[in-house]
Protein backbone atom coordinates (compact mmCIF):
# COMPACT_ATOMS: atom_id res chain seq x y z
CA MET A 1 7.03 12.55 -27.04
CA THR A 2 9.64 14.03 -29.30
CA GLY A 3 8.07 17.12 -30.72
CA ARG A 4 6.80 18.01 -27.23
CA GLN A 5 10.06 18.21 -25.38
CA ALA A 6 11.65 20.65 -22.98
CA LYS A 7 14.95 20.90 -21.20
CA ALA A 8 14.89 19.15 -17.85
CA ARG A 9 16.15 21.50 -15.22
CA ALA A 10 17.76 19.65 -12.30
CA ARG A 11 16.31 20.86 -9.02
CA ARG A 12 17.38 19.40 -5.73
CA GLY A 13 16.50 20.38 -2.15
CA GLY A 14 14.20 23.41 -2.47
CA THR A 15 12.71 25.23 0.47
CA ARG A 16 9.19 25.84 -0.78
CA ALA A 17 6.19 23.70 -0.06
CA ASP A 18 4.26 24.78 -3.14
CA LYS A 19 7.15 25.33 -5.50
CA ASP A 20 6.36 27.48 -8.50
CA THR A 21 7.93 24.97 -10.85
CA THR A 22 8.98 26.86 -13.90
CA GLY A 23 10.33 24.09 -16.07
CA PRO A 24 8.59 24.28 -19.42
CA SER A 25 5.93 21.76 -20.22
CA PRO A 26 6.35 19.88 -23.48
CA GLY A 27 5.20 21.64 -26.61
CA ALA A 28 5.07 20.66 -30.22
CA SER A 29 8.26 20.88 -32.22
CA SER A 30 10.04 19.03 -34.96
CA PRO A 31 12.06 15.82 -34.62
CA LYS A 32 15.20 17.95 -35.00
CA SER A 33 14.71 19.23 -31.45
CA ARG A 34 15.52 15.87 -29.81
CA ARG A 35 19.14 16.16 -28.83
CA GLY A 36 19.86 17.19 -25.26
CA LEU A 37 16.19 17.59 -24.42
CA LEU A 38 13.68 15.95 -22.15
CA ASN A 39 12.65 12.67 -23.71
CA GLY A 40 10.21 10.02 -22.59
CA MET A 41 7.70 11.75 -24.83
CA ALA A 42 5.69 10.42 -27.73
CA GLU A 43 7.53 9.88 -30.97
CA PRO A 44 6.42 12.11 -33.87
CA ALA A 45 5.09 9.84 -36.63
CA ASP A 46 6.28 9.76 -40.50
CA SER A 47 -10.43 3.24 -7.97
CA ALA A 48 -11.56 -0.07 -8.58
CA LEU A 49 -7.89 -0.48 -9.07
CA GLU A 50 -6.94 -3.84 -7.66
CA LEU A 51 -3.44 -4.52 -6.42
CA ASP A 52 -3.75 -8.28 -6.46
CA GLY A 53 -0.14 -8.77 -7.40
CA GLY A 54 0.83 -11.71 -9.50
CA ASP A 55 3.70 -13.84 -10.62
CA ALA A 56 3.45 -13.08 -14.33
CA ASP A 57 6.60 -12.38 -16.25
CA PRO A 58 6.59 -9.09 -18.22
CA LYS A 59 6.71 -11.01 -21.49
CA ASP A 60 3.37 -12.61 -20.59
CA VAL A 61 1.57 -9.25 -20.47
CA MET A 62 3.04 -7.68 -23.60
CA ASP A 63 -0.28 -8.11 -25.39
CA SER A 64 -1.79 -5.68 -22.86
CA ILE A 65 0.62 -2.92 -23.90
CA VAL A 66 -0.71 -0.83 -26.78
CA LYS A 67 0.65 1.77 -29.15
CA VAL A 68 -1.07 5.16 -28.95
CA TYR A 69 -1.42 7.39 -32.01
CA CYS A 70 -2.46 10.99 -31.48
CA THR A 71 -3.03 14.07 -33.61
CA HIS A 72 -2.37 17.20 -31.57
CA THR A 73 -3.69 20.64 -32.53
CA GLU A 74 -2.27 23.12 -30.06
CA PRO A 75 -3.70 26.63 -29.66
CA ASN A 76 -1.55 29.54 -30.74
CA PHE A 77 -1.12 31.40 -27.46
CA SER A 78 0.50 34.40 -29.15
CA LEU A 79 -2.36 34.70 -31.67
CA PRO A 80 -5.21 32.94 -29.82
CA TRP A 81 -7.72 33.35 -32.64
CA GLN A 82 -5.61 30.78 -34.52
CA LYS A 83 -4.51 27.20 -33.95
CA LYS A 84 -1.14 25.73 -34.79
CA ARG A 85 -0.70 23.14 -37.48
CA GLY A 86 -1.57 19.61 -36.38
CA VAL A 87 1.25 17.33 -35.22
CA ASN A 88 1.16 13.52 -35.13
CA SER A 89 2.82 11.49 -32.39
CA THR A 90 3.07 7.95 -31.10
CA SER A 91 3.49 6.74 -27.53
CA SER A 92 2.68 3.74 -25.35
CA GLY A 93 -0.18 2.70 -23.09
CA PHE A 94 -1.38 -0.33 -21.15
CA VAL A 95 -4.59 -1.95 -20.00
CA ILE A 96 -5.63 -1.97 -16.32
CA ARG A 97 -8.65 -3.10 -14.38
CA SER A 98 -11.41 -0.53 -13.85
CA ALA A 99 -14.80 -0.07 -12.21
CA ASN A 100 -16.53 0.71 -15.50
CA GLU A 101 -18.97 -1.68 -17.14
CA ARG A 102 -16.26 -3.09 -19.40
CA GLY A 103 -13.92 -3.60 -16.46
CA MET A 104 -10.84 -2.23 -18.23
CA VAL A 105 -9.34 1.08 -19.35
CA ILE A 106 -6.03 2.22 -20.88
CA LEU A 107 -3.48 4.38 -19.08
CA THR A 108 -0.94 6.56 -20.88
CA ASN A 109 0.73 9.93 -20.30
CA ALA A 110 -1.17 13.21 -20.34
CA HIS A 111 1.37 14.78 -22.66
CA SER A 112 0.77 11.91 -25.10
CA VAL A 113 -2.78 13.15 -25.74
CA GLU A 114 -2.43 16.85 -24.94
CA HIS A 115 -4.59 19.05 -27.21
CA HIS A 116 -5.79 15.92 -28.97
CA THR A 117 -8.10 16.06 -31.96
CA GLN A 118 -7.91 12.32 -32.63
CA VAL A 119 -6.56 9.40 -30.60
CA LYS A 120 -6.15 5.85 -31.88
CA VAL A 121 -4.67 2.73 -30.31
CA LYS A 122 -3.26 -0.46 -31.80
CA ARG A 123 -2.73 -3.80 -30.11
CA ARG A 124 0.53 -5.69 -30.32
CA GLY A 125 0.76 -7.74 -33.50
CA SER A 126 -2.37 -6.16 -35.00
CA ASP A 127 -2.67 -4.09 -38.16
CA GLU A 128 -5.89 -2.37 -37.06
CA LYS A 129 -6.09 0.95 -35.24
CA TYR A 130 -9.11 1.67 -33.05
CA LEU A 131 -10.48 5.11 -32.24
CA ALA A 132 -9.99 5.88 -28.55
CA ARG A 133 -11.81 8.31 -26.29
CA VAL A 134 -10.09 10.32 -23.56
CA LEU A 135 -11.86 9.85 -20.22
CA SER A 136 -9.60 11.92 -17.99
CA ILE A 137 -6.39 13.92 -18.16
CA GLY A 138 -4.30 14.57 -15.05
CA ILE A 139 -2.04 17.41 -16.08
CA GLU A 140 -0.03 17.65 -12.86
CA CYS A 141 0.69 13.92 -12.63
CA ASP A 142 1.07 13.48 -16.41
CA ILE A 143 -1.42 10.59 -16.62
CA ALA A 144 -4.37 10.12 -18.97
CA MET A 145 -7.11 7.49 -19.04
CA LEU A 146 -8.53 6.23 -22.34
CA THR A 147 -11.24 3.85 -23.46
CA VAL A 148 -12.23 2.26 -26.77
CA ASP A 149 -15.91 1.94 -27.65
CA ASP A 150 -15.38 -0.88 -30.16
CA GLU A 151 -15.83 -4.12 -28.22
CA ASN A 152 -13.61 -6.01 -30.66
CA PHE A 153 -10.59 -4.17 -29.32
CA TRP A 154 -10.98 -5.68 -25.83
CA LYS A 155 -11.42 -9.31 -26.85
CA GLY A 156 -8.75 -11.48 -25.28
CA LEU A 157 -7.05 -8.61 -23.43
CA ARG A 158 -6.01 -9.08 -19.80
CA SER A 159 -5.41 -6.28 -17.35
CA ILE A 160 -1.99 -5.53 -15.93
CA GLU A 161 -1.72 -5.71 -12.14
CA PHE A 162 0.04 -3.14 -9.99
CA GLY A 163 2.72 -3.82 -7.42
CA SER A 164 3.95 -1.83 -4.44
CA LEU A 165 6.57 0.90 -4.46
CA PRO A 166 9.95 -0.71 -5.22
CA SER A 167 13.10 -0.32 -3.17
CA LEU A 168 16.44 1.08 -4.25
CA GLN A 169 18.39 -1.27 -6.53
CA ASP A 170 15.28 -3.30 -7.39
CA ASP A 171 15.24 -4.52 -10.98
CA VAL A 172 12.80 -2.82 -13.36
CA THR A 173 11.82 -3.55 -16.96
CA VAL A 174 10.34 -0.80 -19.16
CA ILE A 175 8.20 -1.94 -22.10
CA GLY A 176 6.79 0.26 -24.84
CA TYR A 177 7.03 1.48 -28.40
CA PRO A 178 10.01 3.86 -28.54
CA VAL A 179 11.64 5.49 -31.54
CA GLY A 180 13.71 3.22 -33.75
CA GLY A 181 11.08 0.71 -34.85
CA ASP A 182 7.41 -0.17 -34.95
CA THR A 183 7.41 -3.25 -32.72
CA ILE A 184 7.46 -3.48 -28.94
CA SER A 185 10.73 -2.81 -27.12
CA VAL A 186 12.05 -4.01 -23.75
CA THR A 187 14.78 -2.32 -21.67
CA SER A 188 16.00 -3.18 -18.18
CA GLY A 189 17.64 -1.36 -15.29
CA VAL A 190 17.42 -0.74 -11.56
CA VAL A 191 15.77 1.83 -9.30
CA SER A 192 18.47 4.37 -8.49
CA ARG A 193 16.50 7.03 -6.61
CA ILE A 194 13.06 7.62 -5.07
CA GLU A 195 12.17 11.23 -4.30
CA VAL A 196 9.84 14.13 -4.97
CA THR A 197 10.77 15.36 -8.45
CA SER A 198 9.70 18.06 -10.87
CA TYR A 199 7.16 16.75 -13.38
CA ILE A 200 8.02 18.74 -16.48
CA HIS A 201 4.63 18.48 -18.20
CA GLY A 202 2.61 19.30 -15.10
CA ALA A 203 5.10 21.88 -13.77
CA THR A 204 4.60 20.44 -10.29
CA ASP A 205 6.52 18.29 -7.80
CA LEU A 206 5.38 14.73 -7.04
CA LEU A 207 6.94 11.42 -6.06
CA SER A 208 8.86 9.66 -8.83
CA LEU A 209 11.27 6.79 -9.45
CA GLN A 210 14.59 7.43 -11.12
CA ILE A 211 15.88 4.42 -13.03
CA ASP A 212 18.92 3.71 -15.18
CA ALA A 213 16.91 1.99 -17.92
CA ALA A 214 16.69 3.88 -21.20
CA ILE A 215 13.43 5.81 -21.64
CA ASN A 216 13.37 7.02 -25.22
CA SER A 217 10.92 8.93 -27.38
CA GLY A 218 7.74 6.89 -27.67
CA ASN A 219 8.25 5.07 -24.34
CA SER A 220 5.90 7.57 -22.70
CA GLY A 221 2.92 5.87 -21.10
CA GLY A 222 4.50 2.43 -21.11
CA PRO A 223 4.57 0.33 -17.92
CA ALA A 224 7.63 -0.40 -15.80
CA PHE A 225 7.59 -3.89 -14.25
CA ASN A 226 9.31 -5.40 -11.25
CA SER A 227 10.87 -8.88 -11.29
CA GLU A 228 7.48 -10.44 -10.41
CA GLY A 229 5.75 -9.01 -13.47
CA GLN A 230 3.83 -6.36 -11.54
CA CYS A 231 3.61 -2.80 -12.84
CA VAL A 232 5.42 -0.37 -10.52
CA GLY A 233 4.85 2.76 -12.56
CA ILE A 234 4.52 4.59 -15.87
CA ALA A 235 7.49 5.83 -17.91
CA PHE A 236 7.17 9.56 -18.55
CA GLN A 237 10.40 11.54 -18.91
CA SER A 238 14.18 11.35 -18.93
CA LEU A 239 17.07 13.65 -18.24
CA LYS A 240 19.54 13.96 -21.07
CA ASN A 241 22.57 16.20 -20.84
CA GLU A 242 26.33 15.90 -20.87
CA ASP A 243 26.50 14.92 -17.20
CA ALA A 244 23.76 12.25 -17.15
CA GLU A 245 23.32 8.99 -19.03
CA ASN A 246 20.38 6.57 -18.86
CA CYS A 247 18.53 8.75 -16.37
CA GLY A 248 14.85 7.90 -16.78
CA TYR A 249 11.84 8.70 -14.62
CA VAL A 250 8.78 6.63 -13.78
CA ILE A 251 5.48 7.74 -12.21
CA PRO A 252 5.19 5.39 -9.20
CA THR A 253 2.11 3.45 -8.14
CA PRO A 254 1.10 5.80 -5.26
CA VAL A 255 0.69 8.65 -7.78
CA VAL A 256 -1.07 6.39 -10.30
CA GLU A 257 -3.44 5.06 -7.62
CA HIS A 258 -4.27 8.61 -6.56
CA PHE A 259 -5.17 9.57 -10.14
CA ILE A 260 -7.41 6.52 -10.60
CA ALA A 261 -9.11 6.86 -7.21
CA ASP A 262 -9.71 10.55 -7.87
CA PHE A 263 -11.43 9.78 -11.17
CA GLU A 264 -13.55 7.01 -9.68
CA ARG A 265 -14.62 9.21 -6.77
CA ASN A 266 -15.53 12.26 -8.84
CA GLN A 267 -15.91 10.96 -12.42
CA LYS A 268 -13.28 13.54 -13.33
CA TYR A 269 -9.76 14.58 -12.38
CA THR A 270 -9.70 17.13 -9.54
CA GLY A 271 -5.94 17.33 -8.99
CA PHE A 272 -3.35 16.95 -6.25
CA PRO A 273 -3.89 19.29 -3.29
CA THR A 274 -1.32 21.46 -1.55
CA LEU A 275 -1.14 23.21 1.79
CA GLY A 276 -1.09 26.60 0.09
CA VAL A 277 2.07 27.92 1.71
CA VAL A 278 5.68 28.76 0.87
CA TYR A 279 8.19 27.81 3.53
CA GLN A 280 11.86 27.97 4.37
CA SER A 281 14.03 25.47 6.21
CA MET A 282 15.06 26.03 9.84
CA GLU A 283 18.46 24.35 9.91
CA ASN A 284 20.04 27.36 11.62
CA ALA A 285 20.09 26.96 15.43
CA ALA A 286 19.88 30.71 16.10
CA LEU A 287 16.80 31.00 13.88
CA ARG A 288 15.03 28.22 15.77
CA LYS A 289 15.93 29.63 19.18
CA ALA A 290 14.92 33.18 18.29
CA LEU A 291 11.51 32.01 17.08
CA GLY A 292 10.75 30.12 20.27
CA MET A 293 11.48 26.51 19.34
CA ARG A 294 12.64 24.11 22.03
CA LYS A 295 15.72 21.99 21.41
CA ASP A 296 13.55 18.92 20.88
CA GLN A 297 11.32 20.63 18.30
CA LYS A 298 11.80 20.57 14.54
CA GLY A 299 9.93 22.20 11.69
CA VAL A 300 9.87 24.70 8.83
CA LEU A 301 8.93 28.39 8.79
CA ILE A 302 5.98 29.65 6.73
CA LYS A 303 7.01 32.64 4.62
CA ARG A 304 3.83 33.18 2.61
CA VAL A 305 0.27 31.90 2.58
CA ASN A 306 -1.87 31.76 -0.57
CA GLN A 307 -4.80 34.04 0.24
CA THR A 308 -7.09 32.08 -2.08
CA SER A 309 -6.48 28.78 -0.26
CA PRO A 310 -8.54 27.58 2.73
CA SER A 311 -5.28 27.56 4.73
CA SER A 312 -5.28 31.37 4.72
CA LYS A 313 -8.03 31.30 7.35
CA LEU A 314 -5.96 29.14 9.70
CA LEU A 315 -2.27 29.54 8.87
CA ARG A 316 -0.29 32.76 8.81
CA ARG A 317 3.14 34.06 8.00
CA GLY A 318 5.56 33.25 10.81
CA ASP A 319 3.89 29.99 11.84
CA ILE A 320 6.25 27.02 12.20
CA LEU A 321 5.03 23.71 10.76
CA LEU A 322 5.92 20.98 13.24
CA GLU A 323 3.84 18.00 12.09
CA PHE A 324 1.57 16.93 9.25
CA GLU A 325 -0.95 14.20 10.08
CA GLY A 326 1.09 13.29 13.15
CA VAL A 327 4.36 12.92 11.21
CA GLU A 328 7.22 15.09 12.45
CA ILE A 329 8.67 17.49 9.88
CA ALA A 330 12.44 17.91 10.06
CA ASN A 331 14.20 21.27 9.90
CA ASP A 332 15.04 20.64 6.25
CA GLY A 333 11.39 19.95 5.33
CA THR A 334 11.72 16.17 5.07
CA VAL A 335 9.89 13.34 6.83
CA GLN A 336 10.79 9.72 7.49
CA PHE A 337 9.79 7.70 4.43
CA ARG A 338 11.09 4.18 4.78
CA SER A 339 13.98 2.68 6.69
CA GLY A 340 17.01 4.77 5.86
CA GLU A 341 15.06 7.07 3.52
CA ARG A 342 13.69 10.59 3.92
CA ILE A 343 11.45 12.52 1.56
CA ASN A 344 9.98 16.02 1.29
CA PHE A 345 6.89 16.35 3.49
CA THR A 346 4.87 17.63 0.52
CA TYR A 347 4.58 13.97 -0.50
CA LEU A 348 2.24 13.46 2.48
CA VAL A 349 0.15 16.43 1.36
CA SER A 350 -0.10 15.13 -2.21
CA GLN A 351 -1.51 11.80 -1.00
CA LYS A 352 -4.62 13.60 0.22
CA PHE A 353 -7.58 14.28 -2.08
CA SER A 354 -8.99 17.65 -3.03
CA GLY A 355 -11.44 18.84 -0.37
CA GLU A 356 -10.06 16.67 2.43
CA SER A 357 -8.79 18.23 5.64
CA ALA A 358 -5.47 17.49 7.32
CA LYS A 359 -4.29 17.70 10.92
CA VAL A 360 -1.38 20.13 11.09
CA LYS A 361 0.60 21.03 14.20
CA VAL A 362 2.10 24.52 14.23
CA LEU A 363 4.08 26.67 16.64
CA ARG A 364 2.66 30.18 16.80
CA THR A 365 3.70 33.37 18.50
CA GLU A 366 1.07 35.90 19.52
CA GLU A 367 1.33 39.02 17.41
CA GLY A 368 3.28 41.79 19.06
CA LYS A 369 4.85 39.46 21.62
CA VAL A 370 8.43 38.24 21.99
CA ALA A 371 8.63 34.93 20.14
CA ARG A 372 10.82 33.03 22.61
CA ALA A 373 8.46 33.66 25.51
CA ASN A 374 5.09 33.22 23.81
CA ALA A 375 5.39 30.45 21.23
CA LYS A 376 2.53 27.97 21.61
CA ALA A 377 1.93 24.71 19.78
CA MET A 378 -1.57 24.16 18.37
CA ILE A 379 -3.44 21.77 16.11
CA ILE A 380 -5.35 23.11 13.12
CA LYS A 381 -7.24 21.32 10.34
CA PRO A 382 -7.07 23.18 7.01
CA VAL A 383 -8.93 21.95 3.94
CA LEU A 384 -6.57 21.01 1.12
CA LEU A 385 -7.18 22.08 -2.47
CA PRO A 386 -5.09 22.14 -5.67
CA PRO A 387 -3.01 25.32 -5.91
CA ARG A 388 -4.52 28.44 -7.40
CA ARG A 389 -1.83 30.34 -9.24
CA LEU A 390 -1.69 33.93 -10.39
CA VAL A 391 -0.04 32.67 -13.59
CA PRO A 392 -1.59 29.26 -14.39
CA GLN A 393 0.56 26.42 -15.64
CA HIS A 394 -2.14 25.13 -18.00
CA ILE A 395 -5.59 26.15 -19.22
CA GLU A 396 -7.44 22.82 -19.05
CA GLU A 397 -7.55 21.91 -22.75
CA ARG A 398 -9.50 25.00 -23.84
CA ARG A 399 -8.76 27.83 -26.25
CA PRO A 400 -6.86 30.81 -24.80
CA SER A 401 -8.97 33.80 -23.79
CA TYR A 402 -8.55 37.12 -25.58
CA PHE A 403 -10.27 40.42 -26.38
CA VAL A 404 -9.56 42.99 -29.10
CA ILE A 405 -10.82 46.58 -29.27
CA ALA A 406 -9.41 49.35 -31.46
CA GLY A 407 -6.56 47.00 -32.33
CA LEU A 408 -5.55 46.58 -28.67
CA PHE A 409 -5.11 42.85 -28.01
CA PHE A 410 -5.61 41.78 -24.38
CA THR A 411 -5.02 38.31 -22.94
CA PRO A 412 -4.32 36.73 -19.52
CA VAL A 413 -0.81 35.40 -18.87
CA ASN A 414 -0.09 31.71 -18.38
CA LEU A 415 3.08 29.64 -18.81
CA LYS A 416 2.03 28.48 -22.26
CA PHE A 417 1.72 32.12 -23.33
CA LEU A 418 5.19 32.94 -21.98
CA LYS A 419 6.67 29.95 -23.77
CA SER A 420 4.95 30.92 -27.01
CA GLU A 421 6.20 34.50 -26.77
CA TYR A 422 9.74 33.92 -25.52
CA GLY A 423 10.56 30.31 -26.39
CA LYS A 424 11.50 27.30 -24.29
CA ASP A 425 14.03 29.43 -22.38
CA TYR A 426 11.35 31.94 -21.36
CA MET A 427 12.66 31.92 -17.78
CA TYR A 428 15.71 33.72 -19.14
CA GLU A 429 14.14 35.64 -22.02
CA ALA A 430 10.83 36.93 -20.64
CA PRO A 431 10.67 40.36 -18.97
CA VAL A 432 11.38 40.35 -15.24
CA HIS A 433 8.08 42.06 -14.46
CA LEU A 434 6.19 39.07 -15.90
CA LEU A 435 8.45 36.43 -14.37
CA ARG A 436 7.83 37.90 -10.93
CA ARG A 437 4.14 37.14 -11.38
CA VAL A 438 4.93 33.48 -12.11
CA HIS A 439 5.97 32.97 -8.49
CA ALA A 440 3.24 35.14 -6.95
CA PHE A 441 0.00 34.06 -5.30
CA PRO A 442 -3.31 35.69 -6.29
CA GLU A 443 -4.67 38.10 -3.71
CA LYS A 444 -8.28 37.14 -4.41
CA GLU A 445 -10.25 34.44 -6.18
CA GLY A 446 -10.24 34.77 -9.96
CA GLU A 447 -7.36 37.25 -10.16
CA GLU A 448 -5.33 37.17 -13.38
CA VAL A 449 -2.41 39.03 -14.90
CA VAL A 450 -3.96 40.70 -17.96
CA VAL A 451 -1.55 42.15 -20.50
CA LEU A 452 -1.84 44.39 -23.51
CA SER A 453 -0.02 41.80 -25.59
CA SER A 454 0.29 43.77 -28.81
CA VAL A 455 -1.29 46.53 -30.87
CA LEU A 456 -2.64 45.84 -34.36
CA PRO A 457 -1.62 49.05 -36.19
CA ALA A 458 -4.45 51.37 -37.20
CA LYS A 459 -5.23 55.09 -37.29
CA VAL A 460 -7.10 54.94 -33.98
CA ASN A 461 -4.10 53.58 -32.04
CA VAL A 462 -1.26 55.59 -33.60
CA GLY A 463 1.59 56.02 -31.11
CA TYR A 464 0.85 52.86 -29.15
CA GLU A 465 2.25 50.33 -31.64
CA ASP A 466 5.41 49.56 -29.64
CA ILE A 467 3.59 48.41 -26.50
CA VAL A 468 4.17 44.68 -26.01
CA ASN A 469 3.12 42.34 -23.16
CA THR A 470 2.59 45.05 -20.58
CA GLN A 471 0.24 44.43 -17.65
CA VAL A 472 -3.01 46.38 -17.49
CA LYS A 473 -3.26 47.71 -13.94
CA SER A 474 -6.55 49.63 -14.15
CA PHE A 475 -9.28 50.77 -16.51
CA ASN A 476 -10.81 54.22 -16.05
CA GLY A 477 -9.46 54.26 -12.51
CA GLU A 478 -10.72 50.80 -11.45
CA LYS A 479 -8.27 47.96 -10.78
CA VAL A 480 -8.45 45.12 -13.32
CA GLU A 481 -9.15 41.78 -11.63
CA ASN A 482 -9.15 39.52 -14.70
CA LEU A 483 -9.92 39.58 -18.40
CA TYR A 484 -13.68 39.14 -17.91
CA HIS A 485 -13.69 42.10 -15.54
CA LEU A 486 -11.79 44.26 -18.04
CA VAL A 487 -14.11 43.29 -20.91
CA ASP A 488 -17.15 43.95 -18.73
CA MET A 489 -15.92 47.47 -17.94
CA ILE A 490 -15.05 48.23 -21.57
CA GLU A 491 -18.38 46.98 -22.91
CA ASN A 492 -20.34 49.00 -20.36
CA CYS A 493 -18.25 52.16 -20.54
CA SER A 494 -20.32 55.31 -21.14
CA LEU A 495 -17.43 57.78 -20.77
CA GLU A 496 -15.91 59.68 -23.68
CA TYR A 497 -12.57 57.92 -23.41
CA LEU A 498 -11.25 54.45 -22.68
CA ARG A 499 -8.27 54.87 -20.35
CA PHE A 500 -5.91 51.98 -19.69
CA ASP A 501 -3.26 52.46 -17.01
CA LEU A 502 -0.42 50.04 -17.64
CA GLU A 503 2.64 48.94 -15.75
CA PHE A 504 5.58 51.38 -15.64
CA ASP A 505 3.04 54.26 -15.47
CA GLN A 506 2.22 53.98 -19.17
CA VAL A 507 -1.19 55.30 -20.21
CA VAL A 508 -3.28 54.40 -23.26
CA ILE A 509 -6.30 56.59 -23.99
CA ILE A 510 -8.62 56.11 -26.97
CA ASN A 511 -11.92 57.76 -27.82
CA THR A 512 -14.69 55.34 -26.90
CA GLU A 513 -16.82 55.85 -30.01
CA GLU A 514 -13.83 55.66 -32.35
CA ALA A 515 -12.61 52.51 -30.63
CA ARG A 516 -15.92 50.73 -31.13
CA ASN A 517 -16.39 51.91 -34.70
CA SER A 518 -12.88 50.94 -35.80
CA THR A 519 -12.68 47.45 -34.33
CA GLU A 520 -14.54 45.57 -37.06
CA GLY A 521 -12.39 47.04 -39.83
CA ILE A 522 -9.16 46.26 -37.96
CA LEU A 523 -10.25 42.67 -37.42
CA SER A 524 -11.09 42.30 -41.10
CA GLN A 525 -7.74 43.76 -42.14
CA HIS A 526 -5.89 41.23 -39.97
CA LEU A 527 -8.16 38.29 -40.91
CA ILE A 528 -9.42 37.83 -37.35
CA SER A 529 -12.87 36.29 -37.27
CA SER A 530 -13.95 37.51 -33.83
CA ALA A 531 -13.04 40.31 -31.43
CA MET A 532 -13.13 37.89 -28.52
CA SER A 533 -12.64 34.25 -27.60
CA GLY A 534 -15.63 31.97 -27.17
CA ASP A 535 -15.51 32.02 -23.37
CA VAL A 536 -15.50 35.83 -23.28
CA GLU A 537 -18.42 35.92 -25.71
CA GLU A 538 -20.33 33.48 -23.50
CA TYR A 539 -19.58 35.62 -20.45
CA LEU A 540 -20.99 38.72 -22.14
CA ARG A 541 -24.04 36.81 -23.35
CA ARG A 542 -24.85 35.83 -19.78
CA ASP A 543 -24.27 39.38 -18.65
CA ARG A 544 -26.69 40.77 -21.19
CA LYS A 545 -29.33 38.27 -20.08
CA GLY A 546 -28.97 39.38 -16.49
CA GLN A 547 -27.28 36.14 -15.46
CA LYS A 548 -23.83 37.56 -14.91
CA LYS A 549 -21.56 35.38 -12.84
CA ARG A 550 -17.97 36.57 -12.90
CA ARG A 551 -16.00 33.40 -13.44
CA LYS A 552 -13.46 32.23 -10.94
CA ARG A 553 -10.58 30.52 -12.65
């Protein structure tokens, strides 16, 4: 989706199980931003899953491939009381079999309908566009499911069947509606690589196919077929730089199946789970020996455990992961995939569903004992859940949260906010103290990084105008857990002064009565309709009714 592109950062061979992927997710921009950027996005405009297989040629199923038209209205994360100007895009989609009463749905990419205000689809050879409804969006896997309520749209359509994961050098054909014309386009290539890859939109790592077929703007959401006419994946991104040509990526069928099965189990998308740990490889022989591993043992060392994950009750720093679901983990973090192929063991984790448990074998040393003499292997069964991040990658298609008092503008940090403030190269431009939080785990459920983002100049806040994007550590001596917690303390403060202790030992103190009396005038001066976002207002409304439930996000 040109207009929602980001530079693809090549990442190979990491040592973390739950990598804090920091590649920017696609955002709206102009067509001028195409060159050298991540393509496979939509082109800006002027499981009841059945794997029956089939012997259809791709040309026989072209009528089942549709063009998707979307109007995106993205929130303004720097000024969250506003929205950005709407942007139109086009992409591709295709019809598959489903368990719903109609028996069919449309699959496309999540980034193709991100922040949608209107979605329409058009069949091949038709001049009529039909309004579509988004059923589910899988941000991490970059897949969305659509339906059309008008029965006329479905007449004569056949569903596309899925095939199994292809092998290296297998032929693939990508079909869609890329930039350069209005009619359907066909490109061919071969599978050149199969590995766990960074999904730019979802900022996560999942299995993908790398192919040498061209994936251009507008190809997003289109199917990739094998030589038997079976769909082996969904086109979603490409790498374009001086050192790579025709390097496209396809979401493979195991990931697509997981998304569909998840929706059909839960009637919503619940995500791809993780083990909730950060690990390092154990390829050094001295490291393995010192930590009590036998010569015949292999594994990876846990460096950190997410304290908000169920694994924190069973796994601990210093444990050595030996096996996952009975599959041996190598010292470099890979497992046997297929004959002659190895893949990161996190692929096995991602094939589980949220809430399922997994059998994990670890080598553990009793605390305070010499590792070599006391290492014991044990089996544990942690529950797997999607990762909870201190700095979220996305905010689930809702407006950003904010709160303003006395011209002080507070908001929680997420990657979209960082990108809005510091641009697509925020990993180089953002302050180090905020970037450190990107890779950190929350210490407790619901914890957020709340910043004093800016100060709207007024008499009451004179002297504080230069404070920008600085974390609020405490309010009147109490540690700030999240934005709701901060707002709750401010609204219920009966002290003479509001005291905000910020990072770098900065202090902001404002008279409580003056702060409350001045807020309305400051908002009016800056044309801000409300002192808080809708979710914060709803939180306070519940609080005032005695139904307070501090949200966990």
